[in-house]
């Protein structure tokens, strides 16, 4: 069993915890240690990470692709005119 105050294993069956001196009645013992780490954090108190802004990068890539496609089309049209096709 574990002391609810300090969380250490209670070996003896005395009335007090041998480490912190907390009275060990049925309310002072716990089957699992209950260790407190200060204020408990809940999901409501945890800030959500901001999503990365990928919109600008996608727009730039799409515009570059479109520009490349227009240039290829213009070059093909010019090549067909020169060749007489």
Protein backbone atom coordinates (compact mmCIF):
# COMPACT_ATOMS: atom_id res chain seq x y z
CA UNK A 1 0.00 0.00 0.00
CA UNK A 2 1.02 3.60 -0.48
CA UNK A 3 0.77 6.70 1.70
CA UNK A 4 -1.64 9.22 0.21
CA UNK A 5 0.42 12.13 1.50
CA UNK A 6 3.93 11.29 0.26
CA UNK A 7 3.21 8.41 -2.12
CA UNK A 8 5.85 6.11 -0.67
CA UNK A 9 5.31 2.42 -0.03
CA UNK A 10 4.15 1.70 3.50
CA UNK A 11 5.81 -1.51 4.69
CA UNK A 12 4.90 -1.54 8.36
CA UNK A 13 1.34 -1.78 9.64
CA UNK A 14 1.79 1.13 12.06
CA UNK A 15 -0.55 4.03 12.66
CA UNK A 16 1.72 6.57 10.94
CA UNK A 17 3.66 6.70 7.70
CA UNK A 18 7.34 6.04 8.45
CA UNK A 19 8.40 8.68 5.92
CA UNK A 20 6.10 11.69 6.39
CA UNK A 21 4.20 10.89 9.60
CA UNK A 22 0.71 11.00 8.08
CA UNK A 23 -1.82 8.99 10.11
CA UNK A 24 -2.47 5.66 8.34
CA UNK A 25 -6.07 4.73 8.82
CA UNK A 26 -8.16 3.32 5.96
CA UNK A 27 -8.41 6.84 4.51
CA UNK A 28 -4.63 7.35 4.64
CA UNK A 29 -3.75 4.35 2.48
CA UNK A 30 -4.19 3.97 -1.23
CA UNK A 31 -3.75 0.92 -3.47
CA UNK A 32 -1.94 3.14 -6.02
CA UNK A 33 0.23 6.19 -5.38
CA UNK A 34 -1.51 9.49 -5.91
CA UNK A 35 1.22 11.94 -6.82
CA UNK A 36 0.26 15.54 -7.40
CA UNK A 37 2.29 17.62 -9.82
CA UNK A 38 0.77 20.98 -8.97
CA UNK A 39 -2.19 22.31 -10.93
CA UNK A 40 -3.74 19.61 -13.04
CA UNK A 41 -3.80 20.30 -16.73
CA UNK A 42 -6.92 19.53 -18.63
CA UNK A 43 -7.58 19.49 -22.35
CA UNK A 44 -9.58 22.70 -21.99
CA UNK A 45 -6.61 24.56 -20.46
CA UNK A 46 -4.02 23.31 -22.96
CA UNK A 47 -3.58 25.69 -25.88
CA UNK A 48 -3.98 24.14 -29.30
CA UNK A 49 -0.96 24.45 -31.59
CA UNK A 50 -1.50 26.85 -34.46
CA UNK A 51 -1.83 25.14 -37.83
CA UNK A 52 0.93 25.92 -40.27
CA UNK A 53 -0.03 28.39 -42.96
CA UNK A 54 0.57 26.45 -46.16
CA UNK A 55 -1.91 28.43 -48.29
CA UNK A 56 0.63 30.93 -49.63
CA UNK A 57 3.09 28.22 -50.65
CA UNK A 58 0.40 26.25 -52.47
CA UNK A 59 -0.80 29.35 -54.31
CA UNK A 60 2.75 30.22 -55.40
CA UNK A 61 3.36 26.66 -56.64
CA UNK A 62 0.08 26.67 -58.58
CA UNK A 63 0.92 30.03 -60.21
CA UNK A 64 4.40 28.82 -61.19
CA UNK A 65 2.91 25.66 -62.71
CA UNK A 66 0.36 27.72 -64.64
CA UNK A 67 3.06 30.10 -65.87
CA UNK A 68 5.19 27.16 -67.03
CA UNK A 69 2.22 25.67 -68.89
CA UNK A 70 1.50 28.98 -70.66
CA UNK A 71 5.17 29.36 -71.65
CA UNK A 72 5.25 25.83 -73.08
CA UNK A 73 2.06 26.52 -75.05
CA UNK A 74 3.48 29.79 -76.42
CA UNK A 75 6.75 28.12 -77.40
CA UNK A 76 4.89 25.30 -79.17
CA UNK A 77 2.72 27.80 -81.03
CA UNK A 78 5.80 29.78 -82.11
CA UNK A 79 7.60 26.61 -83.21
CA UNK A 80 4.60 25.56 -85.31
CA UNK A 81 4.52 28.98 -87.02
CA UNK A 82 8.23 28.84 -87.83
CA UNK A 83 8.04 25.31 -89.20
CA UNK A 84 5.03 26.20 -91.31
CA UNK A 85 2.71 23.79 -89.61
